[in-house]
Structure formats: structure tokens, C-alpha cells
Amino acid sequence: MSEENRRHPRVDIKVPVNVSSGNNTLPGTITNLSDGGAALEFVPDLGRRDIAFEIGSSVEIDSEETAPLPGSVVRSYDGGIVNDYKKR
């Protein structure tokens, strides 16, 4: 999806977070953010190439800077995921 087709403009940032789904928790970094979602990147354990979050998984993003934020995985890419926020 091109920038012109996005509903919400994205801002490039670097915020360390923990992303959890069920019993899986991985440290990661939010790399860009919008009103509708976030892109997150992970540094997997040595030798591990897979990301523990499947498309459609409910996840919670937690950081020292914000309250926990629920969402769901809408896309994955090599080393990361894209998350849509759940409306409360």
C-alpha cells in the first residue's frame, strides 16, 4: 500500500516495547506509528528466524511510555509485524 492510499499518515519512531500474545512475549521496537496501527521489528534469539505472532493474532504492546495497547497482527514481514489497534 502506498503512502497516498493510507488512511492515517505514519511517523517514523524508535520506541522499545514488549509484544505479547498468549504465553509468547518478545521484545521489539515500534518503527513507525499512525492513528490506526504500528509497525514493529524484533531481534530474535540467536538462531531463531521465526516470529511468534501469526496474522490475525491478538497482541498487546507494552512500553514504559504508554499504557498497554491491544491490537491484532494484520501483516508480517522478515523480522517484524504490522499491528492494527483494537477500538475500545
N, C-alpha and C. Protein backbone atom coordinates (compact mmCIF):
# COMPACT_ATOMS: atom_id res chain seq x y z
N MET A 1 0.86 -1.17 0.00
CA MET A 1 0.00 0.00 0.00
C MET A 1 0.91 1.23 0.00
N SER A 2 0.67 2.15 -0.90
CA SER A 2 1.49 3.36 -0.98
C SER A 2 1.05 4.37 0.07
N GLU A 3 1.94 5.32 0.35
CA GLU A 3 1.63 6.37 1.32
C GLU A 3 0.33 7.10 0.95
N GLU A 4 0.09 7.29 -0.35
CA GLU A 4 -1.09 8.03 -0.78
C GLU A 4 -2.39 7.30 -0.44
N ASN A 5 -2.33 5.95 -0.34
CA ASN A 5 -3.53 5.16 -0.07
C ASN A 5 -3.79 4.92 1.42
N ARG A 6 -2.90 5.34 2.28
CA ARG A 6 -3.07 5.12 3.72
C ARG A 6 -4.16 6.02 4.28
N ARG A 7 -4.94 5.47 5.21
CA ARG A 7 -5.95 6.27 5.90
C ARG A 7 -5.33 7.25 6.87
N HIS A 8 -4.25 6.82 7.52
CA HIS A 8 -3.59 7.64 8.53
C HIS A 8 -2.12 7.80 8.18
N PRO A 9 -1.60 9.02 8.22
CA PRO A 9 -0.16 9.20 7.97
C PRO A 9 0.66 8.50 9.05
N ARG A 10 1.80 7.97 8.65
CA ARG A 10 2.71 7.29 9.58
C ARG A 10 3.89 8.18 9.91
N VAL A 11 4.37 8.00 11.16
CA VAL A 11 5.52 8.75 11.65
C VAL A 11 6.61 7.74 12.01
N ASP A 12 7.82 7.94 11.51
CA ASP A 12 8.94 7.07 11.87
C ASP A 12 9.39 7.39 13.29
N ILE A 13 9.49 6.33 14.12
CA ILE A 13 9.95 6.48 15.50
C ILE A 13 10.74 5.24 15.89
N LYS A 14 11.37 5.27 17.03
CA LYS A 14 12.04 4.10 17.60
C LYS A 14 11.68 4.05 19.08
N VAL A 15 10.72 3.17 19.43
CA VAL A 15 10.27 3.03 20.82
C VAL A 15 10.39 1.56 21.21
N PRO A 16 11.20 1.24 22.24
CA PRO A 16 11.29 -0.15 22.69
C PRO A 16 9.98 -0.59 23.35
N VAL A 17 9.55 -1.81 23.04
CA VAL A 17 8.29 -2.35 23.57
C VAL A 17 8.45 -3.84 23.85
N ASN A 18 7.48 -4.38 24.56
CA ASN A 18 7.29 -5.83 24.67
C ASN A 18 5.96 -6.13 24.00
N VAL A 19 5.94 -7.17 23.17
CA VAL A 19 4.72 -7.55 22.47
C VAL A 19 4.34 -8.96 22.95
N SER A 20 3.10 -9.09 23.42
CA SER A 20 2.63 -10.35 23.99
C SER A 20 1.40 -10.87 23.27
N SER A 21 1.34 -12.20 23.17
CA SER A 21 0.16 -12.90 22.67
C SER A 21 0.15 -14.25 23.35
N GLY A 22 -0.87 -14.50 24.17
CA GLY A 22 -0.89 -15.75 24.93
C GLY A 22 0.34 -15.83 25.82
N ASN A 23 1.08 -16.93 25.70
CA ASN A 23 2.30 -17.12 26.50
C ASN A 23 3.55 -16.59 25.83
N ASN A 24 3.44 -16.05 24.62
CA ASN A 24 4.59 -15.53 23.89
C ASN A 24 4.78 -14.04 24.17
N THR A 25 5.97 -13.66 24.57
CA THR A 25 6.32 -12.25 24.72
C THR A 25 7.68 -12.06 24.09
N LEU A 26 7.78 -11.05 23.21
CA LEU A 26 9.05 -10.74 22.57
C LEU A 26 9.35 -9.26 22.74
N PRO A 27 10.62 -8.92 23.01
CA PRO A 27 10.99 -7.51 22.98
C PRO A 27 11.09 -7.07 21.53
N GLY A 28 10.71 -5.85 21.28
CA GLY A 28 10.77 -5.32 19.92
C GLY A 28 10.88 -3.81 19.94
N THR A 29 10.74 -3.22 18.78
CA THR A 29 10.80 -1.78 18.61
C THR A 29 9.70 -1.35 17.67
N ILE A 30 8.90 -0.36 18.08
CA ILE A 30 7.97 0.26 17.14
C ILE A 30 8.81 1.11 16.20
N THR A 31 8.70 0.86 14.90
CA THR A 31 9.50 1.60 13.92
C THR A 31 8.71 2.70 13.24
N ASN A 32 7.39 2.55 13.16
CA ASN A 32 6.55 3.66 12.71
C ASN A 32 5.17 3.49 13.29
N LEU A 33 4.46 4.61 13.36
CA LEU A 33 3.22 4.68 14.12
C LEU A 33 2.23 5.57 13.40
N SER A 34 0.94 5.22 13.50
CA SER A 34 -0.12 6.07 12.98
C SER A 34 -1.30 5.97 13.93
N ASP A 35 -2.37 6.70 13.64
CA ASP A 35 -3.57 6.60 14.46
C ASP A 35 -4.23 5.23 14.32
N GLY A 36 -3.91 4.48 13.27
CA GLY A 36 -4.56 3.19 13.04
C GLY A 36 -3.72 1.98 13.35
N GLY A 37 -2.41 2.14 13.55
CA GLY A 37 -1.59 0.96 13.79
C GLY A 37 -0.12 1.30 13.95
N ALA A 38 0.68 0.24 14.01
CA ALA A 38 2.11 0.39 14.22
C ALA A 38 2.85 -0.72 13.50
N ALA A 39 4.07 -0.43 13.06
CA ALA A 39 4.97 -1.46 12.55
C ALA A 39 5.99 -1.74 13.64
N LEU A 40 6.23 -3.02 13.90
CA LEU A 40 7.15 -3.43 14.95
C LEU A 40 8.20 -4.36 14.39
N GLU A 41 9.43 -4.21 14.86
CA GLU A 41 10.51 -5.10 14.45
C GLU A 41 11.06 -5.81 15.67
N PHE A 42 11.56 -7.02 15.44
CA PHE A 42 12.08 -7.86 16.51
C PHE A 42 13.49 -8.29 16.18
N VAL A 43 14.28 -8.52 17.22
CA VAL A 43 15.58 -9.16 17.08
C VAL A 43 15.42 -10.52 17.74
N PRO A 44 15.26 -11.57 16.93
CA PRO A 44 15.01 -12.89 17.52
C PRO A 44 16.24 -13.42 18.25
N ASP A 45 15.99 -14.39 19.14
CA ASP A 45 17.09 -15.07 19.82
C ASP A 45 18.04 -15.64 18.78
N LEU A 46 19.29 -15.77 19.15
CA LEU A 46 20.30 -16.29 18.24
C LEU A 46 19.84 -17.60 17.61
N GLY A 47 19.85 -17.64 16.29
CA GLY A 47 19.46 -18.83 15.56
C GLY A 47 17.96 -18.95 15.29
N ARG A 48 17.16 -18.09 15.88
CA ARG A 48 15.70 -18.17 15.67
C ARG A 48 15.30 -17.16 14.60
N ARG A 49 14.63 -17.62 13.57
CA ARG A 49 14.24 -16.76 12.45
C ARG A 49 12.74 -16.48 12.42
N ASP A 50 11.95 -17.27 13.14
CA ASP A 50 10.50 -17.10 13.06
C ASP A 50 10.03 -16.06 14.07
N ILE A 51 8.93 -15.44 13.77
CA ILE A 51 8.28 -14.51 14.68
C ILE A 51 7.07 -15.24 15.26
N ALA A 52 6.83 -15.09 16.55
CA ALA A 52 5.84 -15.90 17.26
C ALA A 52 4.40 -15.44 17.05
N PHE A 53 4.17 -14.44 16.22
CA PHE A 53 2.82 -13.89 16.10
C PHE A 53 2.29 -14.09 14.69
N GLU A 54 1.21 -14.86 14.59
CA GLU A 54 0.58 -15.16 13.31
C GLU A 54 -0.35 -14.01 12.90
N ILE A 55 -0.61 -13.89 11.60
CA ILE A 55 -1.58 -12.91 11.12
C ILE A 55 -2.93 -13.25 11.75
N GLY A 56 -3.59 -12.23 12.27
CA GLY A 56 -4.86 -12.40 12.96
C GLY A 56 -4.73 -12.57 14.47
N SER A 57 -3.51 -12.81 14.96
CA SER A 57 -3.29 -12.97 16.40
C SER A 57 -3.62 -11.68 17.15
N SER A 58 -4.25 -11.83 18.30
CA SER A 58 -4.42 -10.69 19.19
C SER A 58 -3.11 -10.49 19.93
N VAL A 59 -2.66 -9.25 19.99
CA VAL A 59 -1.42 -8.92 20.68
C VAL A 59 -1.64 -7.72 21.59
N GLU A 60 -0.73 -7.58 22.54
CA GLU A 60 -0.74 -6.39 23.39
C GLU A 60 0.67 -5.81 23.37
N ILE A 61 0.74 -4.51 23.10
CA ILE A 61 2.01 -3.80 23.05
C ILE A 61 2.15 -3.02 24.35
N ASP A 62 3.29 -3.20 25.01
CA ASP A 62 3.53 -2.56 26.29
C ASP A 62 4.88 -1.85 26.25
N SER A 63 4.90 -0.60 26.72
CA SER A 63 6.16 0.14 26.82
C SER A 63 6.15 0.96 28.08
N GLU A 64 7.31 1.48 28.43
CA GLU A 64 7.40 2.36 29.60
C GLU A 64 6.72 3.69 29.35
N GLU A 65 6.49 4.03 28.09
CA GLU A 65 5.96 5.34 27.73
C GLU A 65 4.44 5.38 27.57
N THR A 66 3.79 4.20 27.47
CA THR A 66 2.34 4.19 27.24
C THR A 66 1.68 3.09 28.06
N ALA A 67 0.38 3.17 28.18
CA ALA A 67 -0.40 2.08 28.76
C ALA A 67 -0.42 0.92 27.77
N PRO A 68 -0.65 -0.31 28.23
CA PRO A 68 -0.74 -1.44 27.29
C PRO A 68 -1.79 -1.17 26.21
N LEU A 69 -1.44 -1.53 24.98
CA LEU A 69 -2.29 -1.23 23.84
C LEU A 69 -2.64 -2.53 23.12
N PRO A 70 -3.92 -2.94 23.13
CA PRO A 70 -4.31 -4.16 22.43
C PRO A 70 -4.43 -3.93 20.93
N GLY A 71 -4.22 -4.98 20.17
CA GLY A 71 -4.35 -4.89 18.72
C GLY A 71 -4.35 -6.27 18.11
N SER A 72 -4.21 -6.33 16.79
CA SER A 72 -4.11 -7.60 16.11
C SER A 72 -3.13 -7.48 14.96
N VAL A 73 -2.46 -8.59 14.65
CA VAL A 73 -1.47 -8.63 13.59
C VAL A 73 -2.19 -8.66 12.25
N VAL A 74 -1.89 -7.69 11.38
CA VAL A 74 -2.53 -7.65 10.06
C VAL A 74 -1.56 -7.98 8.93
N ARG A 75 -0.26 -7.95 9.22
CA ARG A 75 0.73 -8.27 8.19
C ARG A 75 2.04 -8.61 8.88
N SER A 76 2.82 -9.49 8.27
CA SER A 76 4.14 -9.78 8.80
C SER A 76 5.15 -9.62 7.67
N TYR A 77 6.38 -9.38 8.05
CA TYR A 77 7.48 -9.27 7.09
C TYR A 77 8.72 -9.80 7.77
N ASP A 78 9.80 -9.97 7.04
CA ASP A 78 11.02 -10.55 7.59
C ASP A 78 11.49 -9.72 8.78
N GLY A 79 11.31 -10.26 9.98
CA GLY A 79 11.77 -9.58 11.18
C GLY A 79 10.75 -8.72 11.88
N GLY A 80 9.50 -8.70 11.40
CA GLY A 80 8.55 -7.82 12.07
C GLY A 80 7.10 -8.09 11.73
N ILE A 81 6.24 -7.27 12.33
CA ILE A 81 4.80 -7.36 12.10
C ILE A 81 4.20 -5.96 11.97
N VAL A 82 3.01 -5.89 11.41
CA VAL A 82 2.22 -4.66 11.39
C VAL A 82 0.97 -4.95 12.21
N ASN A 83 0.66 -4.05 13.12
CA ASN A 83 -0.42 -4.22 14.08
C ASN A 83 -1.49 -3.15 13.85
N ASP A 84 -2.75 -3.56 13.86
CA ASP A 84 -3.88 -2.62 13.87
C ASP A 84 -4.40 -2.54 15.28
N TYR A 85 -4.69 -1.35 15.74
CA TYR A 85 -5.21 -1.16 17.09
C TYR A 85 -6.65 -1.63 17.15
N LYS A 86 -7.01 -2.21 18.28
CA LYS A 86 -8.41 -2.56 18.52
C LYS A 86 -9.09 -1.35 19.12
N LYS A 87 -10.27 -1.07 18.64
CA LYS A 87 -11.05 0.06 19.18
C LYS A 87 -11.66 -0.37 20.50
N ARG A 88 -11.56 0.47 21.50
CA ARG A 88 -12.14 0.18 22.81
C ARG A 88 -13.50 0.80 22.92
